[in-house]
C-alpha atoms as a PDB file:
ATOM      1  CA  MET A   1      -0.035  -0.415  -0.044  1.00  0.00           C
ATOM      2  CA  SER A   2       1.121   3.349  -0.973  1.00  0.00           C
ATOM      3  CA  ILE A   3       2.087   6.175   1.921  1.00  0.00           C
ATOM      4  CA  ARG A   4      -0.697   8.192  -0.014  1.00  0.00           C
ATOM      5  CA  ASN A   5      -3.462   5.335   0.482  1.00  0.00           C
ATOM      6  CA  THR A   6      -2.066   4.584   4.188  1.00  0.00           C
ATOM      7  CA  LYS A   7      -2.411   8.081   4.989  1.00  0.00           C
ATOM      8  CA  SER A   8      -6.241   8.265   3.485  1.00  0.00           C
ATOM      9  CA  LEU A   9      -6.950   5.006   5.392  1.00  0.00           C
ATOM     10  CA  ILE A  10      -5.769   6.633   8.737  1.00  0.00           C
ATOM     11  CA  LEU A  11      -7.979   9.773   7.947  1.00  0.00           C
ATOM     12  CA  SER A  12     -10.901   7.648   7.176  1.00  0.00           C
ATOM     13  CA  LEU A  13     -10.639   5.813  10.445  1.00  0.00           C
ATOM     14  CA  LEU A  14      -9.976   8.796  12.605  1.00  0.00           C
ATOM     15  CA  PHE A  15     -13.129  10.167  10.617  1.00  0.00           C
ATOM     16  CA  THR A  16     -15.049   6.976  11.496  1.00  0.00           C
ATOM     17  CA  ILE A  17     -13.897   7.154  15.172  1.00  0.00           C
ATOM     18  CA  THR A  18     -14.579  10.691  15.726  1.00  0.00           C
ATOM     19  CA  TRP A  19     -18.296  10.067  14.169  1.00  0.00           C
ATOM     20  CA  LEU A  20     -18.880   7.319  15.908  1.00  0.00           C
ATOM     21  CA  ALA A  21     -17.880   8.310  19.279  1.00  0.00           C
ATOM     22  CA  PRO A  22     -20.867  10.710  20.247  1.00  0.00           C
ATOM     23  CA  THR A  23     -23.161   8.267  19.143  1.00  0.00           C
ATOM     24  CA  LEU A  24     -21.592   5.443  21.125  1.00  0.00           C
ATOM     25  CA  GLN A  25     -21.314   7.555  24.223  1.00  0.00           C
ATOM     26  CA  ALA A  26     -25.367   8.564  23.889  1.00  0.00           C
ATOM     27  CA  HIS A  27     -25.895   4.822  23.578  1.00  0.00           C
ATOM     28  CA  GLU A  28     -23.801   4.143  26.563  1.00  0.00           C
ATOM     29  CA  SER A  29     -25.969   7.049  28.485  1.00  0.00           C
ATOM     30  CA  THR A  30     -29.236   5.837  27.394  1.00  0.00           C
ATOM     31  CA  GLN A  31     -28.609   2.078  28.608  1.00  0.00           C
ATOM     32  CA  HIS A  32     -27.303   3.761  32.055  1.00  0.00           C
ATOM     33  CA  LEU A  33     -30.449   5.735  32.271  1.00  0.00           C
ATOM     34  CA  LEU A  34     -32.554   2.700  31.263  1.00  0.00           C
ATOM     35  CA  GLU A  35     -30.583   0.400  33.699  1.00  0.00           C
ATOM     36  CA  GLN A  36     -31.470   2.592  36.537  1.00  0.00           C
ATOM     37  CA  VAL A  37     -34.967   2.939  36.072  1.00  0.00           C
ATOM     38  CA  LEU A  38     -35.389  -1.223  35.359  1.00  0.00           C
ATOM     39  CA  ASN A  39     -33.819  -1.294  38.895  1.00  0.00           C
ATOM     40  CA  GLY A  40     -35.881   1.340  40.396  1.00  0.00           C
ATOM     41  CA  ASP A  41     -37.628   0.414  43.927  1.00  0.00           C
ATOM     42  CA  HIS A  42     -40.991   1.661  42.164  1.00  0.00           C
ATOM     43  CA  ARG A  43     -41.432  -1.422  40.026  1.00  0.00           C
ATOM     44  CA  ASP A  44     -44.051  -3.908  41.017  1.00  0.00           C
ATOM     45  CA  ALA A  45     -42.493  -7.190  42.016  1.00  0.00           C
ATOM     46  CA  SER A  46     -44.764  -9.244  39.662  1.00  0.00           C
ATOM     47  CA  ASN A  47     -43.585  -7.158  36.740  1.00  0.00           C
ATOM     48  CA  LYS A  48     -39.793  -7.368  37.699  1.00  0.00           C
ATOM     49  CA  ALA A  49     -40.426 -11.421  37.258  1.00  0.00           C
ATOM     50  CA  ARG A  50     -41.160 -10.830  33.772  1.00  0.00           C
ATOM     51  CA  ASP A  51     -38.048  -9.361  32.623  1.00  0.00           C
ATOM     52  CA  ARG A  52     -36.236 -12.641  31.997  1.00  0.00           C
ATOM     53  CA  TYR A  53     -38.953 -13.087  29.439  1.00  0.00           C
ATOM     54  CA  ARG A  54     -39.693  -9.711  28.044  1.00  0.00           C
ATOM     55  CA  HIS A  55     -36.037  -8.146  28.098  1.00  0.00           C
ATOM     56  CA  PRO A  56     -37.100  -4.794  28.473  1.00  0.00           C
ATOM     57  CA  LEU A  57     -33.409  -3.109  28.287  1.00  0.00           C
ATOM     58  CA  GLN A  58     -32.795  -4.806  25.129  1.00  0.00           C
ATOM     59  CA  THR A  59     -35.950  -4.323  23.650  1.00  0.00           C
ATOM     60  CA  LEU A  60     -36.164  -0.237  24.147  1.00  0.00           C
ATOM     61  CA  LEU A  61     -32.701  -0.005  23.249  1.00  0.00           C
ATOM     62  CA  PHE A  62     -33.364  -1.780  19.879  1.00  0.00           C
ATOM     63  CA  PHE A  63     -36.423   0.519  19.276  1.00  0.00           C
ATOM     64  CA  GLY A  64     -34.062   3.400  20.169  1.00  0.00           C
ATOM     65  CA  VAL A  65     -35.993   5.213  22.861  1.00  0.00           C
ATOM     66  CA  LYS A  66     -34.220   8.567  23.604  1.00  0.00           C
ATOM     67  CA  PRO A  67     -34.900  10.189  27.049  1.00  0.00           C
ATOM     68  CA  ASP A  68     -36.111  13.433  25.154  1.00  0.00           C
ATOM     69  CA  MET A  69     -38.554  11.787  22.907  1.00  0.00           C
ATOM     70  CA  THR A  70     -42.478  12.117  22.838  1.00  0.00           C
ATOM     71  CA  VAL A  71     -43.592   8.291  23.362  1.00  0.00           C
ATOM     72  CA  VAL A  72     -47.150   6.983  23.060  1.00  0.00           C
ATOM     73  CA  GLU A  73     -47.496   3.587  24.346  1.00  0.00           C
ATOM     74  CA  ILE A  74     -50.679   1.588  23.078  1.00  0.00           C
ATOM     75  CA  SER A  75     -52.845  -0.157  25.659  1.00  0.00           C
ATOM     76  CA  PRO A  76     -50.247   0.088  28.913  1.00  0.00           C
ATOM     77  CA  GLY A  77     -52.683  -2.432  30.900  1.00  0.00           C
ATOM     78  CA  GLY A  78     -53.603  -2.035  34.606  1.00  0.00           C
ATOM     79  CA  LYS A  79     -50.434  -2.979  35.695  1.00  0.00           C
ATOM     80  CA  GLY A  80     -48.753  -0.497  33.462  1.00  0.00           C
ATOM     81  CA  TRP A  81     -45.936  -2.679  32.635  1.00  0.00           C
ATOM     82  CA  TYR A  82     -43.873  -0.704  30.454  1.00  0.00           C
ATOM     83  CA  MET A  83     -44.815   2.100  31.894  1.00  0.00           C
ATOM     84  CA  GLU A  84     -42.784   1.366  34.843  1.00  0.00           C
ATOM     85  CA  MET A  85     -39.731   2.070  32.970  1.00  0.00           C
ATOM     86  CA  LEU A  86     -41.002   4.814  30.099  1.00  0.00           C
ATOM     87  CA  ALA A  87     -42.514   7.250  32.717  1.00  0.00           C
ATOM     88  CA  PRO A  88     -39.721   8.103  34.849  1.00  0.00           C
ATOM     89  CA  TYR A  89     -37.214   7.779  31.929  1.00  0.00           C
ATOM     90  CA  LEU A  90     -39.007  10.528  29.868  1.00  0.00           C
ATOM     91  CA  ARG A  91     -40.190  12.346  32.563  1.00  0.00           C
ATOM     92  CA  GLU A  92     -37.606  15.258  33.038  1.00  0.00           C
ATOM     93  CA  SER A  93     -37.099  15.886  28.999  1.00  0.00           C
ATOM     94  CA  GLY A  94     -39.736  13.979  27.182  1.00  0.00           C
ATOM     95  CA  GLN A  95     -42.998  13.029  26.916  1.00  0.00           C
ATOM     96  CA  TYR A  96     -45.145   9.965  27.864  1.00  0.00           C
ATOM     97  CA  TYR A  97     -48.536   9.432  26.395  1.00  0.00           C
ATOM     98  CA  ALA A  98     -50.636   6.341  27.879  1.00  0.00           C
ATOM     99  CA  ALA A  99     -53.167   5.528  24.942  1.00  0.00           C
ATOM    100  CA  SER A 100     -55.196   3.329  27.466  1.00  0.00           C
ATOM    101  CA  TYR A 101     -58.997   2.002  27.582  1.00  0.00           C
ATOM    102  CA  ASP A 102     -62.280   3.466  26.835  1.00  0.00           C
ATOM    103  CA  GLN A 103     -62.982   5.136  29.854  1.00  0.00           C
ATOM    104  CA  SER A 104     -66.761   4.522  28.976  1.00  0.00           C
ATOM    105  CA  ALA A 105     -66.788   0.802  28.575  1.00  0.00           C
ATOM    106  CA  ASN A 106     -68.883  -1.463  30.117  1.00  0.00           C
ATOM    107  CA  SER A 107     -66.506  -4.137  30.082  1.00  0.00           C
ATOM    108  CA  GLY A 108     -65.784  -5.681  33.582  1.00  0.00           C
ATOM    109  CA  TYR A 109     -62.171  -6.414  32.455  1.00  0.00           C
ATOM    110  CA  VAL A 110     -61.541  -2.789  31.009  1.00  0.00           C
ATOM    111  CA  LYS A 111     -63.367  -1.404  34.447  1.00  0.00           C
ATOM    112  CA  ARG A 112     -61.035  -3.315  36.509  1.00  0.00           C
ATOM    113  CA  ASN A 113     -57.851  -2.484  34.746  1.00  0.00           C
ATOM    114  CA  LEU A 114     -58.838   1.247  34.786  1.00  0.00           C
ATOM    115  CA  LYS A 115     -59.198   1.131  38.385  1.00  0.00           C
ATOM    116  CA  ALA A 116     -55.911  -0.682  38.972  1.00  0.00           C
ATOM    117  CA  PHE A 117     -53.853   1.778  36.324  1.00  0.00           C
ATOM    118  CA  ASP A 118     -55.475   4.712  38.103  1.00  0.00           C
ATOM    119  CA  ALA A 119     -54.514   3.401  41.546  1.00  0.00           C
ATOM    120  CA  LYS A 120     -50.789   2.896  40.211  1.00  0.00           C
ATOM    121  CA  VAL A 121     -50.591   6.578  38.740  1.00  0.00           C
ATOM    122  CA  LYS A 122     -51.817   8.264  42.016  1.00  0.00           C
ATOM    123  CA  ALA A 123     -49.450   5.918  44.529  1.00  0.00           C
ATOM    124  CA  ARG A 124     -46.476   7.561  43.058  1.00  0.00           C
ATOM    125  CA  PRO A 125     -47.013  11.048  42.034  1.00  0.00           C
ATOM    126  CA  ASP A 126     -43.415  11.764  42.290  1.00  0.00           C
ATOM    127  CA  ILE A 127     -42.780   9.551  38.860  1.00  0.00           C
ATOM    128  CA  TYR A 128     -46.188   9.421  36.925  1.00  0.00           C
ATOM    129  CA  ASP A 129     -47.331  13.133  37.510  1.00  0.00           C
ATOM    130  CA  ARG A 130     -46.258  14.380  33.944  1.00  0.00           C
ATOM    131  CA  ILE A 131     -47.705  11.659  32.290  1.00  0.00           C
ATOM    132  CA  THR A 132     -51.008  12.096  29.780  1.00  0.00           C
ATOM    133  CA  VAL A 133     -53.534   9.415  29.652  1.00  0.00           C
ATOM    134  CA  THR A 134     -55.566   9.123  26.537  1.00  0.00           C
ATOM    135  CA  GLU A 135     -58.090   6.601  25.173  1.00  0.00           C
ATOM    136  CA  PHE A 136     -57.642   3.773  22.689  1.00  0.00           C
ATOM    137  CA  ALA A 137     -60.111   1.908  21.659  1.00  0.00           C
ATOM    138  CA  PRO A 138     -60.185   1.105  17.781  1.00  0.00           C
ATOM    139  CA  PRO A 139     -62.269   1.999  15.476  1.00  0.00           C
ATOM    140  CA  THR A 140     -64.028   4.847  17.295  1.00  0.00           C
ATOM    141  CA  LYS A 141     -61.638   6.373  20.033  1.00  0.00           C
ATOM    142  CA  LEU A 142     -58.188   6.862  18.146  1.00  0.00           C
ATOM    143  CA  SER A 143     -57.048  10.173  19.607  1.00  0.00           C
ATOM    144  CA  ILE A 144     -53.878   8.642  21.056  1.00  0.00           C
ATOM    145  CA  ALA A 145     -51.710  12.073  20.802  1.00  0.00           C
ATOM    146  CA  PRO A 146     -51.868  15.348  18.714  1.00  0.00           C
ATOM    147  CA  GLU A 147     -51.412  14.335  14.894  1.00  0.00           C
ATOM    148  CA  GLY A 148     -47.737  14.302  13.737  1.00  0.00           C
ATOM    149  CA  SER A 149     -46.244  15.063  17.498  1.00  0.00           C
ATOM    150  CA  ALA A 150     -44.788  11.800  18.387  1.00  0.00           C
ATOM    151  CA  ASP A 151     -41.411  10.459  17.890  1.00  0.00           C
ATOM    152  CA  MET A 152     -42.250   6.788  18.854  1.00  0.00           C
ATOM    153  CA  ILE A 153     -45.163   4.647  19.270  1.00  0.00           C
ATOM    154  CA  LEU A 154     -45.117   1.333  21.079  1.00  0.00           C
ATOM    155  CA  THR A 155     -47.406  -1.402  21.358  1.00  0.00           C
ATOM    156  CA  PHE A 156     -46.631  -4.636  23.367  1.00  0.00           C
ATOM    157  CA  ARG A 157     -48.770  -8.033  22.274  1.00  0.00           C
ATOM    158  CA  ASN A 158     -51.916  -5.970  21.207  1.00  0.00           C
ATOM    159  CA  VAL A 159     -51.946  -6.901  17.701  1.00  0.00           C
ATOM    160  CA  HIS A 160     -54.277  -9.934  18.043  1.00  0.00           C
ATOM    161  CA  ASN A 161     -56.887  -7.973  19.699  1.00  0.00           C
ATOM    162  CA  TRP A 162     -57.618  -5.470  16.955  1.00  0.00           C
ATOM    163  CA  VAL A 163     -57.087  -8.280  14.115  1.00  0.00           C
ATOM    164  CA  GLY A 164     -60.289 -10.271  16.339  1.00  0.00           C
ATOM    165  CA  SER A 165     -62.049  -7.394  16.280  1.00  0.00           C
ATOM    166  CA  GLY A 166     -61.395  -6.165  12.913  1.00  0.00           C
ATOM    167  CA  ALA A 167     -59.610  -2.986  13.625  1.00  0.00           C
ATOM    168  CA  ALA A 168     -56.025  -3.580  12.751  1.00  0.00           C
ATOM    169  CA  ASP A 169     -56.185  -1.435   9.736  1.00  0.00           C
ATOM    170  CA  LYS A 170     -57.988   1.847  11.537  1.00  0.00           C
ATOM    171  CA  ALA A 171     -54.865   1.186  14.577  1.00  0.00           C
ATOM    172  CA  PHE A 172     -51.927   1.164  12.310  1.00  0.00           C
ATOM    173  CA  ALA A 173     -53.655   4.161  10.291  1.00  0.00           C
ATOM    174  CA  THR A 174     -53.844   5.983  13.764  1.00  0.00           C
ATOM    175  CA  PHE A 175     -50.252   5.330  14.419  1.00  0.00           C
ATOM    176  CA  TYR A 176     -48.942   6.745  11.211  1.00  0.00           C
ATOM    177  CA  LYS A 177     -50.626   9.828  11.455  1.00  0.00           C
ATOM    178  CA  THR A 178     -50.033  10.446  15.147  1.00  0.00           C
ATOM    179  CA  LEU A 179     -46.215   9.815  14.250  1.00  0.00           C
ATOM    180  CA  LYS A 180     -43.685  12.512  13.085  1.00  0.00           C
ATOM    181  CA  PRO A 181     -42.236  12.242   9.540  1.00  0.00           C
ATOM    182  CA  GLY A 182     -39.095   9.703  10.487  1.00  0.00           C
ATOM    183  CA  GLY A 183     -41.026   8.398  13.801  1.00  0.00           C
ATOM    184  CA  VAL A 184     -40.799   4.778  14.867  1.00  0.00           C
ATOM    185  CA  LEU A 185     -43.404   2.368  15.482  1.00  0.00           C
ATOM    186  CA  GLY A 186     -41.944  -0.472  17.820  1.00  0.00           C
ATOM    187  CA  LEU A 187     -44.314  -3.501  18.186  1.00  0.00           C
ATOM    188  CA  VAL A 188     -43.717  -6.809  19.832  1.00  0.00           C
ATOM    189  CA  GLU A 189     -46.492  -9.618  19.143  1.00  0.00           C
ATOM    190  CA  HIS A 190     -47.151 -13.242  19.975  1.00  0.00           C
ATOM    191  CA  ARG A 191     -45.685 -14.845  16.577  1.00  0.00           C
ATOM    192  CA  ALA A 192     -47.963 -17.636  14.992  1.00  0.00           C
ATOM    193  CA  SER A 193     -46.257 -20.610  13.037  1.00  0.00           C
ATOM    194  CA  THR A 194     -45.438 -19.763   9.339  1.00  0.00           C
ATOM    195  CA  SER A 195     -46.712 -23.265   8.703  1.00  0.00           C
ATOM    196  CA  THR A 196     -50.422 -22.466   9.083  1.00  0.00           C
ATOM    197  CA  PRO A 197     -52.702 -19.783   7.718  1.00  0.00           C
ATOM    198  CA  GLN A 198     -53.516 -16.762   9.734  1.00  0.00           C
ATOM    199  CA  ASP A 199     -56.473 -16.892  11.745  1.00  0.00           C
ATOM    200  CA  PRO A 200     -58.767 -13.977  10.645  1.00  0.00           C
ATOM    201  CA  LYS A 201     -59.879 -13.679  14.077  1.00  0.00           C
ATOM    202  CA  ALA A 202     -56.530 -14.558  15.709  1.00  0.00           C
ATOM    203  CA  LYS A 203     -58.318 -16.662  18.395  1.00  0.00           C
ATOM    204  CA  SER A 204     -55.258 -18.122  19.845  1.00  0.00           C
ATOM    205  CA  GLY A 205     -53.278 -14.701  20.610  1.00  0.00           C
ATOM    206  CA  TYR A 206     -50.707 -15.757  17.735  1.00  0.00           C
ATOM    207  CA  VAL A 207     -50.170 -13.644  14.385  1.00  0.00           C
ATOM    208  CA  ARG A 208     -48.045 -14.339  11.797  1.00  0.00           C
ATOM    209  CA  GLU A 209     -45.070 -12.267  11.536  1.00  0.00           C
ATOM    210  CA  ASP A 210     -45.773 -11.151   7.490  1.00  0.00           C
ATOM    211  CA  TYR A 211     -49.493 -10.660   8.437  1.00  0.00           C
ATOM    212  CA  VAL A 212     -48.264  -8.147  10.817  1.00  0.00           C
ATOM    213  CA  ILE A 213     -45.664  -6.709   8.519  1.00  0.00           C
ATOM    214  CA  LYS A 214     -48.287  -6.221   5.692  1.00  0.00           C
ATOM    215  CA  LEU A 215     -50.733  -4.477   8.023  1.00  0.00           C
ATOM    216  CA  ALA A 216     -48.023  -1.763   8.816  1.00  0.00           C
ATOM    217  CA  GLU A 217     -46.750  -1.579   5.390  1.00  0.00           C
ATOM    218  CA  LYS A 218     -50.537  -0.903   4.167  1.00  0.00           C
ATOM    219  CA  ALA A 219     -50.608   1.808   6.365  1.00  0.00           C
ATOM    220  CA  GLY A 220     -47.696   3.334   4.878  1.00  0.00           C
ATOM    221  CA  PHE A 221     -44.704   1.981   7.320  1.00  0.00           C
ATOM    222  CA  GLN A 222     -41.667   0.671   5.990  1.00  0.00           C
ATOM    223  CA  LEU A 223     -39.847  -2.120   7.992  1.00  0.00           C
ATOM    224  CA  LEU A 224     -36.494  -0.905   9.689  1.00  0.00           C
ATOM    225  CA  ALA A 225     -35.516  -3.817  11.350  1.00  0.00           C
ATOM    226  CA  LYS A 226     -36.368  -7.028  13.050  1.00  0.00           C
ATOM    227  CA  SER A 227     -34.705  -8.429  16.436  1.00  0.00           C
ATOM    228  CA  GLU A 228     -35.021 -12.083  18.167  1.00  0.00           C
ATOM    229  CA  ILE A 229     -34.480 -10.427  21.484  1.00  0.00           C
ATOM    230  CA  ASN A 230     -38.291 -12.013  22.631  1.00  0.00           C
ATOM    231  CA  SER A 231     -38.347 -15.256  20.439  1.00  0.00           C
ATOM    232  CA  ASN A 232     -38.746 -18.456  22.353  1.00  0.00           C
ATOM    233  CA  PRO A 233     -38.012 -21.809  20.262  1.00  0.00           C
ATOM    234  CA  LYS A 234     -39.594 -23.879  22.931  1.00  0.00           C
ATOM    235  CA  ASP A 235     -43.058 -22.651  22.071  1.00  0.00           C
ATOM    236  CA  SER A 236     -45.082 -25.081  19.556  1.00  0.00           C
ATOM    237  CA  LYS A 237     -47.459 -22.498  19.245  1.00  0.00           C
ATOM    238  CA  ASP A 238     -50.320 -25.485  19.264  1.00  0.00           C
ATOM    239  CA  HIS A 239     -51.629 -25.092  22.670  1.00  0.00           C
ATOM    240  CA  VAL A 240     -55.127 -25.321  23.689  1.00  0.00           C
ATOM    241  CA  LYS A 241     -55.817 -22.164  25.136  1.00  0.00           C
ATOM    242  CA  GLY A 242     -53.696 -20.412  22.710  1.00  0.00           C
ATOM    243  CA  VAL A 243     -50.809 -18.048  24.295  1.00  0.00           C
ATOM    244  CA  TRP A 244     -52.604 -17.722  27.764  1.00  0.00           C
ATOM    245  CA  THR A 245     -52.013 -21.693  28.118  1.00  0.00           C
ATOM    246  CA  LEU A 246     -48.238 -20.399  28.991  1.00  0.00           C
ATOM    247  CA  PRO A 247     -46.936 -18.102  31.479  1.00  0.00           C
ATOM    248  CA  PRO A 248     -48.257 -15.284  33.046  1.00  0.00           C
ATOM    249  CA  SER A 249     -51.853 -16.673  32.381  1.00  0.00           C
ATOM    250  CA  LEU A 250     -51.333 -20.572  32.670  1.00  0.00           C
ATOM    251  CA  ARG A 251     -54.828 -21.140  31.490  1.00  0.00           C
ATOM    252  CA  GLY A 252     -54.382 -24.414  29.949  1.00  0.00           C
ATOM    253  CA  GLY A 253     -56.416 -26.405  32.987  1.00  0.00           C
ATOM    254  CA  ASP A 254     -54.714 -29.827  32.255  1.00  0.00           C
ATOM    255  CA  GLY A 255     -52.792 -29.845  35.473  1.00  0.00           C
ATOM    256  CA  GLN A 256     -49.508 -29.203  33.284  1.00  0.00           C
ATOM    257  CA  GLU A 257     -48.604 -25.767  34.652  1.00  0.00           C
ATOM    258  CA  GLU A 258     -45.130 -26.718  35.603  1.00  0.00           C
ATOM    259  CA  LYS A 259     -44.452 -28.074  31.658  1.00  0.00           C
ATOM    260  CA  TYR A 260     -45.760 -24.639  30.672  1.00  0.00           C
ATOM    261  CA  ARG A 261     -43.612 -23.019  33.231  1.00  0.00           C
ATOM    262  CA  MET A 262     -40.361 -24.824  31.785  1.00  0.00           C
ATOM    263  CA  ILE A 263     -41.254 -23.542  28.387  1.00  0.00           C
ATOM    264  CA  GLY A 264     -41.864 -19.830  29.719  1.00  0.00           C
ATOM    265  CA  GLU A 265     -43.895 -17.182  27.889  1.00  0.00           C
ATOM    266  CA  SER A 266     -44.951 -17.311  24.427  1.00  0.00           C
ATOM    267  CA  ASP A 267     -42.265 -16.706  21.003  1.00  0.00           C
ATOM    268  CA  ARG A 268     -42.659 -13.096  20.040  1.00  0.00           C
ATOM    269  CA  MET A 269     -41.549 -11.203  17.051  1.00  0.00           C
ATOM    270  CA  THR A 270     -40.027  -7.795  17.827  1.00  0.00           C
ATOM    271  CA  LEU A 271     -39.974  -5.183  14.852  1.00  0.00           C
ATOM    272  CA  LYS A 272     -39.068  -1.617  14.102  1.00  0.00           C
ATOM    273  CA  PHE A 273     -41.265   0.378  11.210  1.00  0.00           C
ATOM    274  CA  ILE A 274     -40.432   4.029  10.442  1.00  0.00           C
ATOM    275  CA  LYS A 275     -43.144   6.380   8.896  1.00  0.00           C
END
């Protein structure tokens, strides 16, 4: 190699290192903040117990959530599993929207979860005082945040519900409209086997990955990346009670709970889309 080429190579490497340094430092800072939140004493013990299945640190790093973002979480549930991390993480510099249940719903399940969610928020005003609670109940209640305002929308194990109710197109269209140009949709869902056709009602709770990607692309999204962070090769996906046979539900009803505990939680896709 000539001296001139050697100098060019060195300059190129120096430029790359200089460019990457702030990015790496930012990543390390983000990880450190997330780790602090994950280890916080505010987190529910039963929620923490599921970290080994749900891999929250790796999942949020994969999606690229930053502390100064406006983030909408879809259907945080009564226990606010990811809210425990996102709300304090975004509290100082960002904004967290909890697109929760329909406040006027008559469902006993919804009412119980709304009550639990409200109690959780009120119990720790030092952490949850700056969240914005909205309603998400497609196809009717879709105002999850101002149009074009969100840097990121996150949804965890919800797609099967929208497929089952026929509201999936409305849901993805809402996400697209709510995100800024270049905004990210981060999605985790129970993954069905590719050897079986997609059940149009997703009664088992499993959805084919290619089906989910098509739903997102139909709304205008582009797939950025996939991850196997939340995969589980032990999951055969043929359980009588679907995903609810496995932990944490254990609704198999066949006396084989220990077997299902050994399998762990469902096999899940982890997808990152961009507007």
